């Protein structure tokens, strides 16, 4: 768990089954006026999936100020001849008090207001794989105490329906999820919970 100036972050990550390497990669960073978080899931699992997802995350790390459309094109160029990747990118703008989520494929996002009103993105079919694809975008107003839950496809709807996902303390949320989910999972799993504290 990491407490930033304006965003608290807690992360759960686990490889599929008995695999040592997860095909998922992630990154988050807080700046003076913005916060960015990205999850990339390499298609399949294992080392080749990890290589692709790491390439995409490294591209985002090195170019965080590019628009999401520009990032999608740049990441696609980096994936020529490699496995494809599904990707989600969340941005919080502290000055405008807005958030924007861009995705391609099944990286999910759930937003939750302090009074527990939930909203979920609609997955966008497809993936990045060496040719141009555009993101589907979701936008909204940023509220103090708002929680964002980003996840790869190792997280199922039944997981998201658990009561501990209503917790405003993201560290406790991830701790409860980890305690209940000790068994091997059927897919690489990345779960990032973030709370905007203003």
N, C-alpha and C. Protein backbone atom coordinates (compact mmCIF):
# COMPACT_ATOMS: atom_id res chain seq x y z
N UNK A 1 0.85 -1.18 0.00
CA UNK A 1 0.00 0.00 0.00
C UNK A 1 0.89 1.23 0.00
N UNK A 2 0.48 2.20 -0.77
CA UNK A 2 1.24 3.45 -0.83
C UNK A 2 0.29 4.62 -0.68
N UNK A 3 0.67 5.56 0.17
CA UNK A 3 -0.14 6.75 0.35
C UNK A 3 0.53 7.91 -0.33
N UNK A 4 -0.10 8.41 -1.39
CA UNK A 4 0.42 9.57 -2.09
C UNK A 4 -0.16 10.84 -1.48
N UNK A 5 0.13 11.95 -2.13
CA UNK A 5 -0.40 13.22 -1.66
C UNK A 5 -1.93 13.24 -1.74
N UNK A 6 -2.46 12.71 -2.85
CA UNK A 6 -3.90 12.78 -3.05
C UNK A 6 -4.55 11.44 -3.38
N UNK A 7 -3.76 10.39 -3.57
CA UNK A 7 -4.31 9.07 -3.90
C UNK A 7 -3.64 8.00 -3.05
N UNK A 8 -4.44 7.20 -2.35
CA UNK A 8 -3.94 6.02 -1.67
C UNK A 8 -4.09 4.83 -2.62
N UNK A 9 -3.07 3.97 -2.68
CA UNK A 9 -3.06 2.85 -3.63
C UNK A 9 -2.71 1.55 -2.90
N UNK A 10 -3.44 0.48 -3.20
CA UNK A 10 -3.12 -0.86 -2.72
C UNK A 10 -3.24 -1.82 -3.89
N UNK A 11 -2.34 -2.80 -3.95
CA UNK A 11 -2.24 -3.69 -5.13
C UNK A 11 -2.21 -5.16 -4.71
N UNK A 12 -2.93 -5.97 -5.47
CA UNK A 12 -2.84 -7.43 -5.38
C UNK A 12 -2.42 -7.94 -6.75
N UNK A 13 -1.43 -8.83 -6.79
CA UNK A 13 -1.02 -9.42 -8.07
C UNK A 13 -0.65 -10.87 -7.83
N UNK A 14 -1.14 -11.76 -8.72
CA UNK A 14 -0.83 -13.18 -8.59
C UNK A 14 -0.85 -13.83 -9.97
N UNK A 15 0.11 -14.71 -10.21
CA UNK A 15 0.17 -15.43 -11.48
C UNK A 15 -0.87 -16.55 -11.51
N UNK A 16 -1.21 -16.96 -12.71
CA UNK A 16 -2.18 -18.03 -12.93
C UNK A 16 -1.68 -19.36 -12.37
N UNK A 17 -2.57 -20.07 -11.65
CA UNK A 17 -2.26 -21.42 -11.18
C UNK A 17 -0.93 -21.50 -10.44
N UNK A 18 -0.07 -22.39 -10.94
CA UNK A 18 1.24 -22.56 -10.32
C UNK A 18 2.35 -21.82 -11.08
N UNK A 19 1.96 -20.98 -12.03
CA UNK A 19 2.96 -20.23 -12.79
C UNK A 19 3.77 -19.32 -11.87
N UNK A 20 5.02 -19.14 -12.22
CA UNK A 20 5.89 -18.24 -11.47
C UNK A 20 5.72 -16.81 -11.97
N UNK A 21 5.53 -16.66 -13.28
CA UNK A 21 5.47 -15.34 -13.91
C UNK A 21 4.04 -15.00 -14.31
N UNK A 22 3.60 -13.80 -13.94
CA UNK A 22 2.29 -13.30 -14.38
C UNK A 22 2.47 -12.58 -15.71
N UNK A 23 1.49 -12.73 -16.59
CA UNK A 23 1.51 -12.01 -17.85
C UNK A 23 1.01 -10.58 -17.74
N UNK A 24 0.63 -10.17 -16.53
CA UNK A 24 0.16 -8.81 -16.28
C UNK A 24 1.33 -7.92 -15.85
N UNK A 25 1.24 -6.64 -16.19
CA UNK A 25 2.16 -5.63 -15.67
C UNK A 25 1.34 -4.39 -15.35
N UNK A 26 1.84 -3.58 -14.42
CA UNK A 26 1.10 -2.39 -14.05
C UNK A 26 2.06 -1.26 -13.69
N UNK A 27 1.50 -0.07 -13.59
CA UNK A 27 2.28 1.12 -13.28
C UNK A 27 1.33 2.19 -12.76
N UNK A 28 1.78 2.94 -11.76
CA UNK A 28 1.04 4.13 -11.36
C UNK A 28 2.02 5.20 -10.90
N UNK A 29 1.58 6.44 -11.05
CA UNK A 29 2.46 7.56 -10.73
C UNK A 29 1.61 8.79 -10.42
N UNK A 30 2.00 9.49 -9.37
CA UNK A 30 1.32 10.73 -9.01
C UNK A 30 2.24 11.91 -9.29
N UNK A 31 1.73 12.91 -9.96
CA UNK A 31 2.45 14.17 -10.20
C UNK A 31 1.72 15.28 -9.45
N UNK A 32 2.15 16.52 -9.65
CA UNK A 32 1.55 17.64 -8.92
C UNK A 32 0.06 17.77 -9.18
N UNK A 33 -0.33 17.66 -10.43
CA UNK A 33 -1.73 17.91 -10.80
C UNK A 33 -2.45 16.69 -11.35
N UNK A 34 -1.76 15.57 -11.48
CA UNK A 34 -2.36 14.40 -12.11
C UNK A 34 -1.93 13.10 -11.43
N UNK A 35 -2.70 12.06 -11.72
CA UNK A 35 -2.36 10.70 -11.31
C UNK A 35 -2.66 9.81 -12.50
N UNK A 36 -1.78 8.84 -12.75
CA UNK A 36 -2.01 7.89 -13.84
C UNK A 36 -1.78 6.47 -13.32
N UNK A 37 -2.63 5.56 -13.76
CA UNK A 37 -2.48 4.14 -13.44
C UNK A 37 -2.80 3.33 -14.69
N UNK A 38 -2.00 2.30 -14.96
CA UNK A 38 -2.22 1.47 -16.15
C UNK A 38 -2.02 0.01 -15.78
N UNK A 39 -2.86 -0.85 -16.35
CA UNK A 39 -2.69 -2.30 -16.28
C UNK A 39 -2.66 -2.83 -17.70
N UNK A 40 -1.63 -3.62 -18.00
CA UNK A 40 -1.52 -4.30 -19.30
C UNK A 40 -1.51 -5.80 -19.05
N UNK A 41 -2.29 -6.52 -19.83
CA UNK A 41 -2.40 -7.98 -19.70
C UNK A 41 -1.99 -8.59 -21.04
N UNK A 42 -0.82 -9.25 -21.04
CA UNK A 42 -0.37 -9.92 -22.26
C UNK A 42 -1.24 -11.13 -22.55
N UNK A 43 -1.62 -11.32 -23.79
CA UNK A 43 -2.52 -12.42 -24.15
C UNK A 43 -1.86 -13.75 -23.81
N UNK A 44 -2.65 -14.65 -23.22
CA UNK A 44 -2.11 -15.91 -22.75
C UNK A 44 -1.50 -15.70 -21.37
N UNK A 45 -0.46 -16.46 -21.08
CA UNK A 45 0.20 -16.32 -19.78
C UNK A 45 1.67 -16.68 -19.95
N UNK A 46 2.43 -16.50 -18.88
CA UNK A 46 3.84 -16.86 -18.92
C UNK A 46 4.74 -15.77 -19.44
N UNK A 47 5.97 -16.16 -19.79
CA UNK A 47 7.03 -15.20 -20.08
C UNK A 47 6.76 -14.34 -21.31
N UNK A 48 6.23 -14.93 -22.40
CA UNK A 48 5.98 -14.13 -23.61
C UNK A 48 4.87 -13.10 -23.37
N UNK A 49 3.86 -13.47 -22.60
CA UNK A 49 2.81 -12.52 -22.25
C UNK A 49 3.39 -11.40 -21.40
N UNK A 50 4.28 -11.77 -20.47
CA UNK A 50 4.90 -10.77 -19.59
C UNK A 50 5.76 -9.79 -20.39
N UNK A 51 6.50 -10.31 -21.36
CA UNK A 51 7.35 -9.43 -22.18
C UNK A 51 6.51 -8.37 -22.88
N UNK A 52 5.38 -8.78 -23.45
CA UNK A 52 4.52 -7.83 -24.15
C UNK A 52 3.93 -6.80 -23.20
N UNK A 53 3.43 -7.27 -22.05
CA UNK A 53 2.81 -6.32 -21.11
C UNK A 53 3.85 -5.36 -20.55
N UNK A 54 5.08 -5.82 -20.32
CA UNK A 54 6.13 -4.94 -19.82
C UNK A 54 6.52 -3.88 -20.85
N UNK A 55 6.55 -4.27 -22.13
CA UNK A 55 6.86 -3.30 -23.20
C UNK A 55 5.83 -2.17 -23.18
N UNK A 56 4.56 -2.52 -23.05
CA UNK A 56 3.50 -1.51 -23.05
C UNK A 56 3.61 -0.62 -21.82
N UNK A 57 3.81 -1.20 -20.65
CA UNK A 57 3.92 -0.40 -19.43
C UNK A 57 5.16 0.50 -19.48
N UNK A 58 6.28 -0.01 -19.98
CA UNK A 58 7.48 0.82 -20.12
C UNK A 58 7.24 1.99 -21.06
N UNK A 59 6.48 1.74 -22.13
CA UNK A 59 6.15 2.81 -23.07
C UNK A 59 5.33 3.91 -22.39
N UNK A 60 4.38 3.51 -21.56
CA UNK A 60 3.56 4.48 -20.83
C UNK A 60 4.40 5.23 -19.80
N UNK A 61 5.25 4.51 -19.08
CA UNK A 61 6.13 5.15 -18.09
C UNK A 61 6.99 6.24 -18.72
N UNK A 62 7.48 5.95 -19.91
CA UNK A 62 8.39 6.88 -20.58
C UNK A 62 7.66 8.01 -21.32
N UNK A 63 6.34 7.89 -21.47
CA UNK A 63 5.57 8.89 -22.22
C UNK A 63 4.24 9.21 -21.53
N UNK A 64 4.26 9.51 -20.23
CA UNK A 64 2.99 9.67 -19.51
C UNK A 64 2.17 10.87 -19.96
N UNK A 65 2.80 11.84 -20.62
CA UNK A 65 2.08 13.05 -21.02
C UNK A 65 1.45 12.95 -22.40
N UNK A 66 1.70 11.86 -23.12
CA UNK A 66 1.03 11.67 -24.41
C UNK A 66 -0.45 11.43 -24.18
N UNK A 67 -1.27 11.79 -25.15
CA UNK A 67 -2.69 11.47 -25.05
C UNK A 67 -2.86 9.95 -25.13
N UNK A 68 -3.99 9.46 -24.65
CA UNK A 68 -4.22 8.02 -24.69
C UNK A 68 -4.28 7.50 -26.13
N UNK A 69 -4.78 8.30 -27.04
CA UNK A 69 -4.81 7.90 -28.45
C UNK A 69 -3.38 7.73 -28.97
N UNK A 70 -2.52 8.69 -28.64
CA UNK A 70 -1.12 8.60 -29.06
C UNK A 70 -0.43 7.40 -28.40
N UNK A 71 -0.74 7.16 -27.13
CA UNK A 71 -0.16 6.00 -26.43
C UNK A 71 -0.59 4.69 -27.08
N UNK A 72 -1.85 4.59 -27.44
CA UNK A 72 -2.34 3.36 -28.09
C UNK A 72 -1.56 3.07 -29.36
N UNK A 73 -1.33 4.10 -30.16
CA UNK A 73 -0.60 3.91 -31.42
C UNK A 73 0.87 3.57 -31.16
N UNK A 74 1.48 4.26 -30.19
CA UNK A 74 2.88 4.00 -29.89
C UNK A 74 3.06 2.59 -29.32
N UNK A 75 2.18 2.19 -28.43
CA UNK A 75 2.27 0.83 -27.86
C UNK A 75 2.10 -0.23 -28.94
N UNK A 76 1.16 0.00 -29.85
CA UNK A 76 0.95 -0.96 -30.94
C UNK A 76 2.22 -1.13 -31.78
N UNK A 77 2.89 -0.02 -32.05
CA UNK A 77 4.13 -0.09 -32.83
C UNK A 77 5.18 -0.94 -32.11
N UNK A 78 5.21 -0.87 -30.78
CA UNK A 78 6.19 -1.62 -30.01
C UNK A 78 5.89 -3.11 -29.98
N UNK A 79 4.67 -3.48 -30.34
CA UNK A 79 4.24 -4.89 -30.24
C UNK A 79 4.33 -5.65 -31.55
N UNK A 80 4.86 -5.04 -32.58
CA UNK A 80 4.99 -5.75 -33.86
C UNK A 80 5.79 -7.03 -33.66
N UNK A 81 5.24 -8.15 -34.08
CA UNK A 81 5.91 -9.44 -33.96
C UNK A 81 5.84 -10.07 -32.58
N UNK A 82 5.06 -9.47 -31.68
CA UNK A 82 4.94 -10.00 -30.32
C UNK A 82 3.48 -10.32 -30.01
N UNK A 83 3.26 -10.91 -28.84
CA UNK A 83 1.90 -11.18 -28.40
C UNK A 83 1.15 -9.88 -28.18
N UNK A 84 -0.15 -9.95 -28.36
CA UNK A 84 -0.98 -8.78 -28.14
C UNK A 84 -1.19 -8.50 -26.66
N UNK A 85 -1.78 -7.35 -26.39
CA UNK A 85 -1.99 -6.89 -25.02
C UNK A 85 -3.34 -6.20 -24.92
N UNK A 86 -4.07 -6.46 -23.83
CA UNK A 86 -5.22 -5.62 -23.49
C UNK A 86 -4.75 -4.62 -22.45
N UNK A 87 -5.36 -3.43 -22.45
CA UNK A 87 -4.80 -2.34 -21.68
C UNK A 87 -5.88 -1.42 -21.13
N UNK A 88 -5.68 -0.95 -19.91
CA UNK A 88 -6.52 0.07 -19.31
C UNK A 88 -5.65 1.17 -18.73
N UNK A 89 -6.05 2.43 -18.96
CA UNK A 89 -5.29 3.58 -18.46
C UNK A 89 -6.26 4.53 -17.76
N UNK A 90 -6.03 4.77 -16.47
CA UNK A 90 -6.85 5.70 -15.69
C UNK A 90 -6.04 6.95 -15.42
N UNK A 91 -6.68 8.12 -15.63
CA UNK A 91 -6.04 9.39 -15.34
C UNK A 91 -6.97 10.22 -14.46
N UNK A 92 -6.40 10.80 -13.39
CA UNK A 92 -7.12 11.74 -12.55
C UNK A 92 -6.51 13.12 -12.76
N UNK A 93 -7.35 14.12 -12.97
CA UNK A 93 -6.90 15.49 -13.14
C UNK A 93 -7.35 16.28 -11.91
N UNK A 94 -6.40 16.62 -11.06
CA UNK A 94 -6.72 17.29 -9.81
C UNK A 94 -7.24 18.71 -10.02
N UNK A 95 -6.75 19.37 -11.04
CA UNK A 95 -7.16 20.77 -11.27
C UNK A 95 -8.59 20.84 -11.81
N UNK A 96 -8.88 20.01 -12.82
CA UNK A 96 -10.21 20.03 -13.42
C UNK A 96 -11.22 19.21 -12.62
N UNK A 97 -10.72 18.42 -11.64
CA UNK A 97 -11.57 17.53 -10.83
C UNK A 97 -12.34 16.55 -11.72
N UNK A 98 -11.59 15.93 -12.64
CA UNK A 98 -12.19 14.94 -13.54
C UNK A 98 -11.33 13.69 -13.57
N UNK A 99 -11.93 12.59 -14.03
CA UNK A 99 -11.17 11.38 -14.31
C UNK A 99 -11.52 10.90 -15.71
N UNK A 100 -10.59 10.19 -16.32
CA UNK A 100 -10.81 9.61 -17.65
C UNK A 100 -10.20 8.22 -17.66
N UNK A 101 -10.94 7.26 -18.19
CA UNK A 101 -10.46 5.88 -18.28
C UNK A 101 -10.53 5.45 -19.74
N UNK A 102 -9.41 4.99 -20.26
CA UNK A 102 -9.33 4.51 -21.64
C UNK A 102 -8.94 3.04 -21.62
N UNK A 103 -9.60 2.24 -22.44
CA UNK A 103 -9.30 0.81 -22.42
C UNK A 103 -9.52 0.18 -23.79
N UNK A 104 -8.81 -0.90 -23.98
CA UNK A 104 -9.07 -1.79 -25.10
C UNK A 104 -8.92 -3.20 -24.57
N UNK A 105 -9.95 -4.02 -24.80
CA UNK A 105 -9.98 -5.34 -24.20
C UNK A 105 -10.67 -5.32 -22.85
N UNK A 106 -10.38 -6.33 -22.04
CA UNK A 106 -11.18 -6.55 -20.83
C UNK A 106 -10.51 -6.13 -19.53
N UNK A 107 -9.67 -5.11 -19.54
CA UNK A 107 -9.23 -4.52 -18.28
C UNK A 107 -10.38 -3.70 -17.75
N UNK A 108 -10.81 -4.00 -16.53
CA UNK A 108 -12.02 -3.38 -15.99
C UNK A 108 -11.74 -2.24 -15.03
N UNK A 109 -12.75 -1.40 -14.88
CA UNK A 109 -12.72 -0.32 -13.91
C UNK A 109 -14.08 -0.20 -13.24
N UNK A 110 -14.07 -0.16 -11.91
CA UNK A 110 -15.26 0.16 -11.13
C UNK A 110 -14.96 1.44 -10.37
N UNK A 111 -15.87 2.40 -10.47
CA UNK A 111 -15.76 3.61 -9.65
C UNK A 111 -16.81 3.52 -8.55
N UNK A 112 -16.48 4.08 -7.39
CA UNK A 112 -17.43 4.07 -6.29
C UNK A 112 -17.36 5.41 -5.55
N UNK A 113 -18.49 6.08 -5.46
CA UNK A 113 -18.55 7.35 -4.74
C UNK A 113 -18.55 7.07 -3.23
N UNK A 114 -18.31 8.11 -2.41
CA UNK A 114 -18.31 7.90 -0.96
C UNK A 114 -19.63 7.35 -0.41
N UNK A 115 -20.75 7.58 -1.12
CA UNK A 115 -22.02 7.02 -0.66
C UNK A 115 -22.35 5.71 -1.39
N UNK A 116 -21.30 5.04 -1.89
CA UNK A 116 -21.36 3.67 -2.42
C UNK A 116 -22.14 3.52 -3.73
N UNK A 117 -22.21 4.57 -4.53
CA UNK A 117 -22.79 4.45 -5.87
C UNK A 117 -21.69 3.94 -6.79
N UNK A 118 -21.93 2.75 -7.39
CA UNK A 118 -20.92 2.12 -8.24
C UNK A 118 -21.23 2.33 -9.72
N UNK A 119 -20.17 2.40 -10.50
CA UNK A 119 -20.30 2.46 -11.95
C UNK A 119 -19.16 1.63 -12.54
N UNK A 120 -19.43 0.92 -13.63
CA UNK A 120 -18.42 0.06 -14.23
C UNK A 120 -18.29 0.35 -15.72
N UNK A 121 -17.05 0.28 -16.21
CA UNK A 121 -16.85 0.51 -17.65
C UNK A 121 -17.44 -0.64 -18.46
N UNK A 122 -17.72 -0.36 -19.71
CA UNK A 122 -18.16 -1.40 -20.65
C UNK A 122 -16.92 -1.86 -21.41
N UNK A 123 -16.54 -3.15 -21.30
CA UNK A 123 -15.32 -3.62 -21.99
C UNK A 123 -15.39 -3.37 -23.49
N UNK A 124 -14.24 -3.08 -24.04
CA UNK A 124 -14.10 -2.79 -25.47
C UNK A 124 -13.36 -3.95 -26.11
N UNK A 125 -14.00 -4.66 -27.02
CA UNK A 125 -13.39 -5.83 -27.63
C UNK A 125 -12.15 -5.45 -28.42
N UNK A 126 -11.18 -6.36 -28.40
CA UNK A 126 -9.97 -6.14 -29.17
C UNK A 126 -8.74 -6.12 -28.29
N UNK A 127 -7.62 -5.82 -28.91
CA UNK A 127 -6.35 -5.77 -28.20
C UNK A 127 -5.34 -5.03 -29.07
N UNK A 128 -4.24 -4.60 -28.43
CA UNK A 128 -3.15 -3.95 -29.15
C UNK A 128 -2.21 -5.02 -29.66
N UNK A 129 -1.85 -4.95 -30.95
CA UNK A 129 -0.98 -6.00 -31.50
C UNK A 129 -0.34 -5.58 -32.81
N UNK A 130 0.38 -4.47 -32.81
CA UNK A 130 1.14 -4.10 -33.99
C UNK A 130 0.37 -3.36 -35.05
N UNK A 131 -0.90 -3.06 -34.81
CA UNK A 131 -1.66 -2.26 -35.76
C UNK A 131 -2.55 -1.29 -34.97
N UNK A 132 -3.02 -0.27 -35.61
CA UNK A 132 -3.71 0.82 -34.91
C UNK A 132 -5.08 0.38 -34.41
N UNK A 133 -5.27 0.60 -33.12
CA UNK A 133 -6.58 0.40 -32.50
C UNK A 133 -6.82 1.56 -31.54
N UNK A 134 -8.04 2.00 -31.45
CA UNK A 134 -8.37 3.10 -30.55
C UNK A 134 -9.02 2.58 -29.27
N UNK A 135 -8.88 3.37 -28.21
CA UNK A 135 -9.46 3.05 -26.93
C UNK A 135 -10.95 3.39 -26.89
N UNK A 136 -11.66 2.73 -25.98
CA UNK A 136 -12.98 3.19 -25.56
C UNK A 136 -12.77 4.02 -24.30
N UNK A 137 -13.48 5.14 -24.19
CA UNK A 137 -13.25 6.04 -23.06
C UNK A 137 -14.48 6.20 -22.17
N UNK A 138 -14.19 6.40 -20.89
CA UNK A 138 -15.20 6.65 -19.87
C UNK A 138 -14.70 7.85 -19.07
N UNK A 139 -15.57 8.83 -18.85
CA UNK A 139 -15.15 10.04 -18.15
C UNK A 139 -16.15 10.38 -17.06
N UNK A 140 -15.69 11.17 -16.07
CA UNK A 140 -16.59 11.57 -15.00
C UNK A 140 -15.95 12.62 -14.11
N UNK A 141 -16.73 13.09 -13.16
CA UNK A 141 -16.25 14.08 -12.20
C UNK A 141 -15.59 13.37 -11.02
N UNK A 142 -14.54 13.99 -10.52
CA UNK A 142 -13.75 13.45 -9.43
C UNK A 142 -14.28 14.00 -8.11
N UNK A 143 -14.64 13.08 -7.20
CA UNK A 143 -15.17 13.49 -5.90
C UNK A 143 -14.20 13.09 -4.80
N UNK A 144 -14.04 13.93 -3.76
CA UNK A 144 -13.22 13.52 -2.62
C UNK A 144 -13.75 12.23 -2.00
N UNK A 145 -12.85 11.28 -1.73
CA UNK A 145 -13.25 10.00 -1.18
C UNK A 145 -13.65 8.97 -2.22
N UNK A 146 -13.58 9.32 -3.49
CA UNK A 146 -13.95 8.38 -4.55
C UNK A 146 -12.94 7.24 -4.64
N UNK A 147 -13.44 6.03 -4.86
CA UNK A 147 -12.60 4.84 -4.97
C UNK A 147 -12.64 4.33 -6.41
N UNK A 148 -11.47 3.95 -6.91
CA UNK A 148 -11.33 3.36 -8.25
C UNK A 148 -10.73 1.97 -8.08
N UNK A 149 -11.35 0.98 -8.72
CA UNK A 149 -10.86 -0.39 -8.67
C UNK A 149 -10.58 -0.85 -10.09
N UNK A 150 -9.30 -1.02 -10.43
CA UNK A 150 -8.90 -1.50 -11.76
C UNK A 150 -8.48 -2.96 -11.63
N UNK A 151 -8.76 -3.76 -12.68
CA UNK A 151 -8.48 -5.19 -12.55
C UNK A 151 -8.34 -5.85 -13.91
N UNK A 152 -7.52 -6.89 -13.93
CA UNK A 152 -7.38 -7.71 -15.14
C UNK A 152 -8.44 -8.83 -15.08
N UNK A 153 -8.45 -9.70 -16.11
CA UNK A 153 -9.54 -10.66 -16.23
C UNK A 153 -9.47 -11.82 -15.24
N UNK A 154 -8.49 -11.82 -14.34
CA UNK A 154 -8.50 -12.80 -13.26
C UNK A 154 -9.53 -12.49 -12.20
N UNK A 155 -10.09 -11.28 -12.24
CA UNK A 155 -11.14 -10.88 -11.30
C UNK A 155 -12.49 -11.13 -11.95
N UNK A 156 -13.35 -11.87 -11.24
CA UNK A 156 -14.68 -12.23 -11.76
C UNK A 156 -15.75 -11.33 -11.16
N UNK A 157 -16.93 -11.33 -11.77
CA UNK A 157 -18.05 -10.55 -11.26
C UNK A 157 -18.38 -10.93 -9.82
N UNK A 158 -18.27 -12.22 -9.51
CA UNK A 158 -18.58 -12.67 -8.14
C UNK A 158 -17.60 -12.08 -7.14
N UNK A 159 -16.36 -11.87 -7.56
CA UNK A 159 -15.39 -11.20 -6.68
C UNK A 159 -15.84 -9.77 -6.38
N UNK A 160 -16.24 -9.07 -7.42
CA UNK A 160 -16.59 -7.65 -7.28
C UNK A 160 -17.86 -7.43 -6.48
N UNK A 161 -18.66 -8.48 -6.33
CA UNK A 161 -19.92 -8.34 -5.58
C UNK A 161 -19.73 -8.48 -4.08
N UNK A 162 -18.52 -8.81 -3.64
CA UNK A 162 -18.28 -9.00 -2.20
C UNK A 162 -18.38 -7.68 -1.45
N UNK A 163 -18.85 -7.75 -0.20
CA UNK A 163 -19.08 -6.54 0.58
C UNK A 163 -17.81 -5.77 0.88
N UNK A 164 -16.67 -6.47 0.95
CA UNK A 164 -15.44 -5.75 1.29
C UNK A 164 -15.03 -4.76 0.19
N UNK A 165 -15.61 -4.88 -1.00
CA UNK A 165 -15.32 -3.90 -2.04
C UNK A 165 -16.05 -2.57 -1.81
N UNK A 166 -16.86 -2.51 -0.77
CA UNK A 166 -17.49 -1.24 -0.40
C UNK A 166 -16.63 -0.46 0.59
N UNK A 167 -15.53 -1.06 1.02
CA UNK A 167 -14.66 -0.42 2.02
C UNK A 167 -13.97 0.80 1.42
N UNK A 168 -13.96 1.89 2.15
CA UNK A 168 -13.28 3.10 1.69
C UNK A 168 -11.77 3.03 1.94
N UNK A 169 -11.34 2.10 2.79
CA UNK A 169 -9.92 1.91 3.07
C UNK A 169 -9.38 0.89 2.08
N UNK A 170 -8.60 1.34 1.09
CA UNK A 170 -8.19 0.44 0.02
C UNK A 170 -7.21 -0.62 0.52
N UNK A 171 -6.45 -0.31 1.56
CA UNK A 171 -5.53 -1.31 2.11
C UNK A 171 -6.32 -2.47 2.72
N UNK A 172 -7.37 -2.16 3.46
CA UNK A 172 -8.21 -3.21 4.03
C UNK A 172 -8.94 -4.00 2.94
N UNK A 173 -9.37 -3.30 1.91
CA UNK A 173 -10.05 -3.96 0.80
C UNK A 173 -9.16 -5.05 0.19
N UNK A 174 -7.92 -4.70 -0.11
CA UNK A 174 -7.00 -5.66 -0.72
C UNK A 174 -6.61 -6.74 0.28
N UNK A 175 -6.45 -6.38 1.55
CA UNK A 175 -6.13 -7.39 2.57
C UNK A 175 -7.25 -8.42 2.68
N UNK A 176 -8.50 -7.97 2.68
CA UNK A 176 -9.63 -8.90 2.74
C UNK A 176 -9.69 -9.79 1.51
N UNK A 177 -9.47 -9.19 0.35
CA UNK A 177 -9.47 -9.98 -0.89
C UNK A 177 -8.38 -11.06 -0.83
N UNK A 178 -7.20 -10.68 -0.37
CA UNK A 178 -6.08 -11.62 -0.31
C UNK A 178 -6.37 -12.76 0.66
N UNK A 179 -6.95 -12.43 1.80
CA UNK A 179 -7.26 -13.44 2.82
C UNK A 179 -8.26 -14.47 2.31
N UNK A 180 -9.27 -14.00 1.60
CA UNK A 180 -10.33 -14.89 1.11
C UNK A 180 -9.88 -15.69 -0.11
N UNK A 181 -8.97 -15.14 -0.89
CA UNK A 181 -8.55 -15.77 -2.15
C UNK A 181 -7.14 -16.35 -2.04
N UNK A 182 -6.98 -17.34 -1.19
CA UNK A 182 -5.67 -17.96 -0.99
C UNK A 182 -5.39 -19.09 -1.99
N UNK A 183 -6.44 -19.62 -2.60
CA UNK A 183 -6.27 -20.71 -3.55
C UNK A 183 -5.71 -20.18 -4.87
N UNK A 184 -5.12 -21.08 -5.66
CA UNK A 184 -4.62 -20.71 -6.99
C UNK A 184 -5.76 -20.15 -7.83
N UNK A 185 -5.45 -19.14 -8.62
CA UNK A 185 -6.47 -18.52 -9.46
C UNK A 185 -6.38 -19.05 -10.89
N UNK A 186 -7.49 -18.96 -11.61
CA UNK A 186 -7.57 -19.58 -12.94
C UNK A 186 -6.97 -18.69 -14.03
N UNK A 187 -6.56 -17.47 -13.69
CA UNK A 187 -5.93 -16.58 -14.65
C UNK A 187 -4.99 -15.64 -13.90
N UNK A 188 -4.04 -15.06 -14.64
CA UNK A 188 -3.22 -14.02 -14.04
C UNK A 188 -4.15 -12.93 -13.50
N UNK A 189 -3.84 -12.45 -12.32
CA UNK A 189 -4.75 -11.51 -11.65
C UNK A 189 -4.00 -10.29 -11.13
N UNK A 190 -4.47 -9.12 -11.54
CA UNK A 190 -3.98 -7.87 -10.98
C UNK A 190 -5.20 -7.06 -10.55
N UNK A 191 -5.15 -6.57 -9.32
CA UNK A 191 -6.23 -5.79 -8.74
C UNK A 191 -5.60 -4.57 -8.07
N UNK A 192 -5.98 -3.38 -8.51
CA UNK A 192 -5.44 -2.15 -7.94
C UNK A 192 -6.60 -1.31 -7.43
N UNK A 193 -6.56 -1.01 -6.13
CA UNK A 193 -7.60 -0.18 -5.51
C UNK A 193 -6.98 1.18 -5.18
N UNK A 194 -7.68 2.24 -5.54
CA UNK A 194 -7.18 3.61 -5.35
C UNK A 194 -8.27 4.48 -4.75
N UNK A 195 -7.90 5.31 -3.80
CA UNK A 195 -8.85 6.24 -3.20
C UNK A 195 -8.32 7.66 -3.32
N UNK A 196 -9.14 8.50 -3.92
CA UNK A 196 -8.79 9.92 -4.07
C UNK A 196 -9.14 10.63 -2.78
N UNK A 197 -8.12 11.21 -2.12
CA UNK A 197 -8.33 11.80 -0.81
C UNK A 197 -8.30 13.32 -0.81
N UNK A 198 -7.89 13.93 -1.90
CA UNK A 198 -7.83 15.39 -2.11
C UNK A 198 -6.97 16.08 -1.06
